[in-house]
Amino acid sequence: MAGISEAITQIKKAESDADSLVEQSTVDAKAMIDDATIKANEMVETAKNEANEEAQSTVFDAEENAKKEATSIGSKADSDVSAIKNKARGNIDEAASIIVKNIL
């Protein structure tokens, strides 16, 4: 009878150990899920920040390029205006001569 009692005690202990192991595994699994969730949220936040910084950098670069292009276009326009004025000034004497000739 002692053997059966001892076997029953060992079975109850094994069941208790199994229950404890299941409970501990559940706690560990929840902790792992919580850690993974925190890390995932951190990664998402980091990715958002990096994307925002990249977008700001892209906008800044585009603005700088647009300013440079506007300056270049303005310089070209100024140069074209000067060239047209110089050409017109060169024709003033000829135009005056034609007008005087037509009047006389």
Protein backbone atom coordinates (compact mmCIF):
# COMPACT_ATOMS: atom_id res chain seq x y z
CA MET A 1 0.00 0.00 0.00
CA ALA A 2 2.88 2.31 0.70
CA GLY A 3 3.94 2.00 -2.93
CA ILE A 4 0.54 3.12 -4.19
CA SER A 5 0.44 6.02 -1.74
CA GLU A 6 3.92 7.05 -2.80
CA ALA A 7 2.97 6.79 -6.49
CA ILE A 8 -0.14 8.92 -5.91
CA THR A 9 1.99 11.49 -4.08
CA GLN A 10 4.46 11.56 -6.98
CA ILE A 11 1.62 11.91 -9.51
CA LYS A 12 0.11 14.80 -7.52
CA LYS A 13 3.53 16.44 -7.30
CA ALA A 14 4.05 15.98 -11.06
CA GLU A 15 0.63 17.48 -11.73
CA SER A 16 1.42 20.40 -9.41
CA ASP A 17 4.80 20.88 -11.12
CA ALA A 18 3.09 20.78 -14.53
CA ASP A 19 0.51 23.34 -13.41
CA SER A 20 3.28 25.58 -12.07
CA LEU A 21 5.20 25.17 -15.32
CA VAL A 22 2.11 26.09 -17.37
CA GLU A 23 1.48 29.15 -15.17
CA GLN A 24 5.12 30.23 -15.40
CA SER A 25 5.12 29.67 -19.16
CA THR A 26 1.98 31.80 -19.47
CA VAL A 27 3.57 34.58 -17.41
CA ASP A 28 6.78 34.34 -19.48
CA ALA A 29 4.82 34.36 -22.75
CA LYS A 30 2.87 37.45 -21.66
CA ALA A 31 6.12 39.18 -20.68
CA MET A 32 7.66 38.30 -24.06
CA ILE A 33 4.57 39.64 -25.86
CA ASP A 34 4.68 42.83 -23.79
CA ASP A 35 8.39 43.28 -24.56
CA ALA A 36 7.81 42.62 -28.24
CA THR A 37 4.94 45.12 -28.28
CA ILE A 38 7.08 47.78 -26.61
CA LYS A 39 9.95 47.15 -29.03
CA ALA A 40 7.59 47.20 -32.01
CA ASN A 41 6.09 50.51 -30.85
CA GLU A 42 9.58 51.94 -30.40
CA MET A 43 10.54 50.77 -33.88
CA VAL A 44 7.41 52.32 -35.37
CA GLU A 45 8.10 55.59 -33.57
CA THR A 46 11.71 55.57 -34.74
CA ALA A 47 10.63 54.87 -38.31
CA LYS A 48 8.09 57.72 -38.13
CA ASN A 49 10.74 60.10 -36.82
CA GLU A 50 13.22 59.06 -39.50
CA ALA A 51 10.58 59.43 -42.21
CA ASN A 52 9.64 62.87 -40.87
CA GLU A 53 13.29 63.96 -40.81
CA GLU A 54 13.80 62.64 -44.34
CA ALA A 55 10.68 64.47 -45.54
CA GLN A 56 11.86 67.70 -43.94
CA SER A 57 15.29 67.24 -45.50
CA THR A 58 13.73 66.59 -48.91
CA VAL A 59 11.54 69.70 -48.63
CA PHE A 60 14.53 71.77 -47.51
CA ASP A 61 16.62 70.49 -50.44
CA ALA A 62 13.79 71.21 -52.86
CA GLU A 63 13.42 74.75 -51.50
CA GLU A 64 17.17 75.34 -51.77
CA ASN A 65 17.21 74.04 -55.34
CA ALA A 66 14.21 76.22 -56.21
CA LYS A 67 15.94 79.29 -54.75
CA LYS A 68 19.09 78.54 -56.74
CA GLU A 69 17.08 78.06 -59.91
CA ALA A 70 15.10 81.26 -59.29
CA THR A 71 18.35 83.16 -58.76
CA SER A 72 19.76 81.67 -61.95
CA ILE A 73 16.63 82.57 -63.92
CA GLY A 74 16.69 86.08 -62.46
CA SER A 75 20.35 86.50 -63.43
CA LYS A 76 19.64 85.24 -66.94
CA ALA A 77 16.68 87.62 -67.25
CA ASP A 78 18.82 90.54 -66.05
CA SER A 79 21.50 89.59 -68.57
CA ASP A 80 18.92 89.32 -71.37
CA VAL A 81 17.43 92.71 -70.46
CA SER A 82 20.89 94.30 -70.48
CA ALA A 83 21.66 92.75 -73.86
CA ILE A 84 18.37 94.01 -75.31
CA LYS A 85 18.98 97.51 -73.89
CA ASN A 86 22.50 97.57 -75.32
CA LYS A 87 21.26 96.45 -78.70
CA ALA A 88 18.51 99.09 -78.58
CA ARG A 89 21.02 101.79 -77.64
CA GLY A 90 23.14 100.76 -80.60
CA ASN A 91 20.17 101.32 -82.90
CA ILE A 92 19.30 104.77 -81.51
CA ASP A 93 21.79 106.58 -83.76
CA GLU A 94 20.60 104.69 -86.83
CA ALA A 95 16.94 105.32 -85.95
CA ALA A 96 17.62 109.03 -85.38
CA SER A 97 19.44 109.21 -88.69
CA ILE A 98 16.50 107.57 -90.49
CA ILE A 99 14.02 109.94 -88.83
CA VAL A 100 16.12 113.00 -89.72
CA LYS A 101 16.51 111.77 -93.30
CA ASN A 102 12.74 111.24 -93.63
CA ILE A 103 11.95 114.64 -92.21
CA LEU A 104 14.38 116.50 -94.45
